Amino acid sequence: MAKQQAFGDKAKGKVKDTSMNVKVIKGFRSETGSVKFVSRFVKVKDIAEVDKIDISK
């Protein structure tokens, strides 16, 4: 039995995701005056979009 599909054929058929995951960290002051941080992983297409992301508590 011969192989039906070569490795090159398998790799060629997969779709690559062009977006990237970045970790966004936002700092804010709590009611007691201390600084708290919130971090989230966000998927963006371009690194310039990071400034436009709004994460909240």
PDB file of N, CA and C in Angstrom:
ATOM      1  N   MET A   1       0.831  -1.178   0.000  1.00  0.00           N
ATOM      2  CA  MET A   1       0.000   0.000   0.000  1.00  0.00           C
ATOM      3  C   MET A   1       0.880   1.247   0.000  1.00  0.00           C
ATOM      4  N   ALA A   2       0.626   2.107  -0.911  1.00  0.00           N
ATOM      5  CA  ALA A   2       1.379   3.351  -1.023  1.00  0.00           C
ATOM      6  C   ALA A   2       0.667   4.454  -0.242  1.00  0.00           C
ATOM      7  N   LYS A   3       1.450   5.431   0.181  1.00  0.00           N
ATOM      8  CA  LYS A   3       0.860   6.579   0.888  1.00  0.00           C
ATOM      9  C   LYS A   3      -0.012   7.372  -0.076  1.00  0.00           C
ATOM     10  N   GLN A   4      -1.135   7.827   0.418  1.00  0.00           N
ATOM     11  CA  GLN A   4      -2.038   8.626  -0.394  1.00  0.00           C
ATOM     12  C   GLN A   4      -1.695  10.117  -0.329  1.00  0.00           C
ATOM     13  N   GLN A   5      -1.098  10.524   0.788  1.00  0.00           N
ATOM     14  CA  GLN A   5      -0.848  11.941   0.994  1.00  0.00           C
ATOM     15  C   GLN A   5       0.549  12.125   1.571  1.00  0.00           C
ATOM     16  N   ALA A   6       1.326  13.022   0.983  1.00  0.00           N
ATOM     17  CA  ALA A   6       2.672  13.296   1.459  1.00  0.00           C
ATOM     18  C   ALA A   6       2.625  14.350   2.564  1.00  0.00           C
ATOM     19  N   PHE A   7       3.726  14.501   3.277  1.00  0.00           N
ATOM     20  CA  PHE A   7       3.776  15.486   4.353  1.00  0.00           C
ATOM     21  C   PHE A   7       3.573  16.905   3.818  1.00  0.00           C
ATOM     22  N   GLY A   8       4.140  17.209   2.664  1.00  0.00           N
ATOM     23  CA  GLY A   8       3.987  18.529   2.063  1.00  0.00           C
ATOM     24  C   GLY A   8       2.542  18.849   1.758  1.00  0.00           C
ATOM     25  N   ASP A   9       1.768  17.862   1.363  1.00  0.00           N
ATOM     26  CA  ASP A   9       0.351  18.071   1.082  1.00  0.00           C
ATOM     27  C   ASP A   9      -0.418  18.378   2.362  1.00  0.00           C
ATOM     28  N   LYS A  10      -0.047  17.743   3.451  1.00  0.00           N
ATOM     29  CA  LYS A  10      -0.720  17.985   4.732  1.00  0.00           C
ATOM     30  C   LYS A  10      -0.446  19.399   5.221  1.00  0.00           C
ATOM     31  N   ALA A  11       0.808  19.844   5.154  1.00  0.00           N
ATOM     32  CA  ALA A  11       1.186  21.162   5.645  1.00  0.00           C
ATOM     33  C   ALA A  11       0.600  22.264   4.773  1.00  0.00           C
ATOM     34  N   LYS A  12       0.459  22.005   3.504  1.00  0.00           N
ATOM     35  CA  LYS A  12      -0.050  23.016   2.580  1.00  0.00           C
ATOM     36  C   LYS A  12      -1.536  23.294   2.815  1.00  0.00           C
ATOM     37  N   GLY A  13      -2.289  22.315   3.269  1.00  0.00           N
ATOM     38  CA  GLY A  13      -3.730  22.462   3.414  1.00  0.00           C
ATOM     39  C   GLY A  13      -4.186  23.197   4.653  1.00  0.00           C
ATOM     40  N   LYS A  14      -3.308  23.423   5.621  1.00  0.00           N
ATOM     41  CA  LYS A  14      -3.717  24.079   6.869  1.00  0.00           C
ATOM     42  C   LYS A  14      -3.772  25.591   6.703  1.00  0.00           C
ATOM     43  N   VAL A  15      -4.772  26.207   7.308  1.00  0.00           N
ATOM     44  CA  VAL A  15      -4.934  27.655   7.270  1.00  0.00           C
ATOM     45  C   VAL A  15      -4.227  28.245   8.483  1.00  0.00           C
ATOM     46  N   LYS A  16      -3.390  29.253   8.254  1.00  0.00           N
ATOM     47  CA  LYS A  16      -2.660  29.878   9.356  1.00  0.00           C
ATOM     48  C   LYS A  16      -3.415  31.111   9.844  1.00  0.00           C
ATOM     49  N   ASP A  17      -3.472  31.256  11.138  1.00  0.00           N
ATOM     50  CA  ASP A  17      -4.132  32.396  11.766  1.00  0.00           C
ATOM     51  C   ASP A  17      -3.134  33.547  11.822  1.00  0.00           C
ATOM     52  N   THR A  18      -3.485  34.703  11.245  1.00  0.00           N
ATOM     53  CA  THR A  18      -2.555  35.829  11.194  1.00  0.00           C
ATOM     54  C   THR A  18      -2.622  36.697  12.448  1.00  0.00           C
ATOM     55  N   SER A  19      -3.605  36.481  13.306  1.00  0.00           N
ATOM     56  CA  SER A  19      -3.694  37.286  14.518  1.00  0.00           C
ATOM     57  C   SER A  19      -2.753  36.747  15.586  1.00  0.00           C
ATOM     58  N   MET A  20      -2.434  37.597  16.554  1.00  0.00           N
ATOM     59  CA  MET A  20      -1.513  37.199  17.617  1.00  0.00           C
ATOM     60  C   MET A  20      -2.143  37.470  18.979  1.00  0.00           C
ATOM     61  N   ASN A  21      -1.723  36.719  19.953  1.00  0.00           N
ATOM     62  CA  ASN A  21      -2.194  36.909  21.323  1.00  0.00           C
ATOM     63  C   ASN A  21      -1.208  37.806  22.058  1.00  0.00           C
ATOM     64  N   VAL A  22      -1.735  38.820  22.716  1.00  0.00           N
ATOM     65  CA  VAL A  22      -0.908  39.706  23.527  1.00  0.00           C
ATOM     66  C   VAL A  22      -1.505  39.790  24.921  1.00  0.00           C
ATOM     67  N   LYS A  23      -0.664  40.015  25.887  1.00  0.00           N
ATOM     68  CA  LYS A  23      -1.124  40.164  27.263  1.00  0.00           C
ATOM     69  C   LYS A  23      -1.204  41.651  27.572  1.00  0.00           C
ATOM     70  N   VAL A  24      -2.406  42.123  27.911  1.00  0.00           N
ATOM     71  CA  VAL A  24      -2.638  43.529  28.224  1.00  0.00           C
ATOM     72  C   VAL A  24      -2.769  43.655  29.733  1.00  0.00           C
ATOM     73  N   ILE A  25      -1.977  44.536  30.317  1.00  0.00           N
ATOM     74  CA  ILE A  25      -1.997  44.761  31.761  1.00  0.00           C
ATOM     75  C   ILE A  25      -2.421  46.202  32.008  1.00  0.00           C
ATOM     76  N   LYS A  26      -3.448  46.369  32.835  1.00  0.00           N
ATOM     77  CA  LYS A  26      -3.959  47.706  33.139  1.00  0.00           C
ATOM     78  C   LYS A  26      -3.871  47.921  34.646  1.00  0.00           C
ATOM     79  N   GLY A  27      -3.343  49.047  35.047  1.00  0.00           N
ATOM     80  CA  GLY A  27      -3.252  49.394  36.459  1.00  0.00           C
ATOM     81  C   GLY A  27      -4.271  50.455  36.815  1.00  0.00           C
ATOM     82  N   PHE A  28      -4.855  50.345  38.006  1.00  0.00           N
ATOM     83  CA  PHE A  28      -5.816  51.345  38.474  1.00  0.00           C
ATOM     84  C   PHE A  28      -5.714  51.458  39.987  1.00  0.00           C
ATOM     85  N   ARG A  29      -6.191  52.586  40.493  1.00  0.00           N
ATOM     86  CA  ARG A  29      -6.168  52.819  41.937  1.00  0.00           C
ATOM     87  C   ARG A  29      -7.439  52.281  42.571  1.00  0.00           C
ATOM     88  N   SER A  30      -7.278  51.581  43.678  1.00  0.00           N
ATOM     89  CA  SER A  30      -8.436  51.083  44.413  1.00  0.00           C
ATOM     90  C   SER A  30      -8.931  52.167  45.358  1.00  0.00           C
ATOM     91  N   GLU A  31     -10.009  51.873  46.044  1.00  0.00           N
ATOM     92  CA  GLU A  31     -10.585  52.850  46.971  1.00  0.00           C
ATOM     93  C   GLU A  31      -9.660  53.145  48.144  1.00  0.00           C
ATOM     94  N   THR A  32      -8.823  52.180  48.497  1.00  0.00           N
ATOM     95  CA  THR A  32      -7.901  52.378  49.623  1.00  0.00           C
ATOM     96  C   THR A  32      -6.632  53.106  49.210  1.00  0.00           C
ATOM     97  N   GLY A  33      -6.448  53.353  47.895  1.00  0.00           N
ATOM     98  CA  GLY A  33      -5.275  54.082  47.432  1.00  0.00           C
ATOM     99  C   GLY A  33      -4.168  53.202  46.891  1.00  0.00           C
ATOM    100  N   SER A  34      -4.310  51.903  47.031  1.00  0.00           N
ATOM    101  CA  SER A  34      -3.278  51.020  46.492  1.00  0.00           C
ATOM    102  C   SER A  34      -3.514  50.799  44.991  1.00  0.00           C
ATOM    103  N   VAL A  35      -2.488  50.335  44.325  1.00  0.00           N
ATOM    104  CA  VAL A  35      -2.569  50.103  42.883  1.00  0.00           C
ATOM    105  C   VAL A  35      -2.893  48.631  42.641  1.00  0.00           C
ATOM    106  N   LYS A  36      -3.905  48.389  41.841  1.00  0.00           N
ATOM    107  CA  LYS A  36      -4.309  47.028  41.461  1.00  0.00           C
ATOM    108  C   LYS A  36      -4.051  46.852  39.968  1.00  0.00           C
ATOM    109  N   PHE A  37      -3.782  45.637  39.557  1.00  0.00           N
ATOM    110  CA  PHE A  37      -3.523  45.343  38.158  1.00  0.00           C
ATOM    111  C   PHE A  37      -4.487  44.277  37.658  1.00  0.00           C
ATOM    112  N   VAL A  38      -4.967  44.463  36.422  1.00  0.00           N
ATOM    113  CA  VAL A  38      -5.814  43.490  35.745  1.00  0.00           C
ATOM    114  C   VAL A  38      -5.074  43.092  34.482  1.00  0.00           C
ATOM    115  N   SER A  39      -4.943  41.797  34.235  1.00  0.00           N
ATOM    116  CA  SER A  39      -4.263  41.346  33.025  1.00  0.00           C
ATOM    117  C   SER A  39      -5.169  40.395  32.257  1.00  0.00           C
ATOM    118  N   ARG A  40      -5.160  40.528  30.956  1.00  0.00           N
ATOM    119  CA  ARG A  40      -5.963  39.691  30.068  1.00  0.00           C
ATOM    120  C   ARG A  40      -5.154  39.370  28.820  1.00  0.00           C
ATOM    121  N   PHE A  41      -5.385  38.191  28.265  1.00  0.00           N
ATOM    122  CA  PHE A  41      -4.854  37.858  26.954  1.00  0.00           C
ATOM    123  C   PHE A  41      -5.892  38.237  25.919  1.00  0.00           C
ATOM    124  N   VAL A  42      -5.476  38.988  24.918  1.00  0.00           N
ATOM    125  CA  VAL A  42      -6.373  39.484  23.885  1.00  0.00           C
ATOM    126  C   VAL A  42      -5.782  39.127  22.526  1.00  0.00           C
ATOM    127  N   LYS A  43      -6.639  38.710  21.606  1.00  0.00           N
ATOM    128  CA  LYS A  43      -6.193  38.382  20.253  1.00  0.00           C
ATOM    129  C   LYS A  43      -6.373  39.608  19.371  1.00  0.00           C
ATOM    130  N   VAL A  44      -5.280  40.074  18.753  1.00  0.00           N
ATOM    131  CA  VAL A  44      -5.317  41.237  17.867  1.00  0.00           C
ATOM    132  C   VAL A  44      -4.684  40.875  16.527  1.00  0.00           C
ATOM    133  N   LYS A  45      -5.100  41.579  15.487  1.00  0.00           N
ATOM    134  CA  LYS A  45      -4.533  41.345  14.158  1.00  0.00           C
ATOM    135  C   LYS A  45      -3.263  42.153  13.942  1.00  0.00           C
ATOM    136  N   ASP A  46      -3.203  43.353  14.540  1.00  0.00           N
ATOM    137  CA  ASP A  46      -2.045  44.225  14.371  1.00  0.00           C
ATOM    138  C   ASP A  46      -1.657  44.767  15.743  1.00  0.00           C
ATOM    139  N   ILE A  47      -0.373  44.934  15.971  1.00  0.00           N
ATOM    140  CA  ILE A  47       0.112  45.366  17.274  1.00  0.00           C
ATOM    141  C   ILE A  47      -0.343  46.802  17.590  1.00  0.00           C
ATOM    142  N   ALA A  48      -0.696  47.601  16.575  1.00  0.00           N
ATOM    143  CA  ALA A  48      -1.164  48.971  16.791  1.00  0.00           C
ATOM    144  C   ALA A  48      -2.542  48.997  17.451  1.00  0.00           C
ATOM    145  N   GLU A  49      -3.284  47.911  17.424  1.00  0.00           N
ATOM    146  CA  GLU A  49      -4.609  47.848  18.028  1.00  0.00           C
ATOM    147  C   GLU A  49      -4.564  47.760  19.553  1.00  0.00           C
ATOM    148  N   VAL A  50      -3.407  47.532  20.127  1.00  0.00           N
ATOM    149  CA  VAL A  50      -3.288  47.360  21.574  1.00  0.00           C
ATOM    150  C   VAL A  50      -3.692  48.644  22.308  1.00  0.00           C
ATOM    151  N   ASP A  51      -3.390  49.802  21.743  1.00  0.00           N
ATOM    152  CA  ASP A  51      -3.743  51.075  22.382  1.00  0.00           C
ATOM    153  C   ASP A  51      -5.248  51.268  22.456  1.00  0.00           C
ATOM    154  N   LYS A  52      -6.006  50.660  21.559  1.00  0.00           N
ATOM    155  CA  LYS A  52      -7.455  50.855  21.483  1.00  0.00           C
ATOM    156  C   LYS A  52      -8.235  49.885  22.379  1.00  0.00           C
ATOM    157  N   ILE A  53      -7.567  48.901  22.945  1.00  0.00           N
ATOM    158  CA  ILE A  53      -8.253  47.882  23.749  1.00  0.00           C
ATOM    159  C   ILE A  53      -8.613  48.467  25.112  1.00  0.00           C
ATOM    160  N   ASP A  54      -9.854  48.242  25.525  1.00  0.00           N
ATOM    161  CA  ASP A  54     -10.309  48.723  26.825  1.00  0.00           C
ATOM    162  C   ASP A  54     -10.701  47.518  27.671  1.00  0.00           C
ATOM    163  N   ILE A  55      -9.923  47.234  28.697  1.00  0.00           N
ATOM    164  CA  ILE A  55     -10.289  46.176  29.634  1.00  0.00           C
ATOM    165  C   ILE A  55     -10.657  46.841  30.943  1.00  0.00           C
ATOM    166  N   SER A  56     -11.647  46.321  31.598  1.00  0.00           N
ATOM    167  CA  SER A  56     -12.095  46.903  32.862  1.00  0.00           C
ATOM    168  C   SER A  56     -12.005  45.864  33.957  1.00  0.00           C
ATOM    169  N   LYS A  57     -12.264  46.289  35.179  1.00  0.00           N
ATOM    170  CA  LYS A  57     -12.177  45.414  36.335  1.00  0.00           C
ATOM    171  C   LYS A  57     -13.043  44.248  36.125  1.00  0.00           C
TER     172      LYS A  57
END
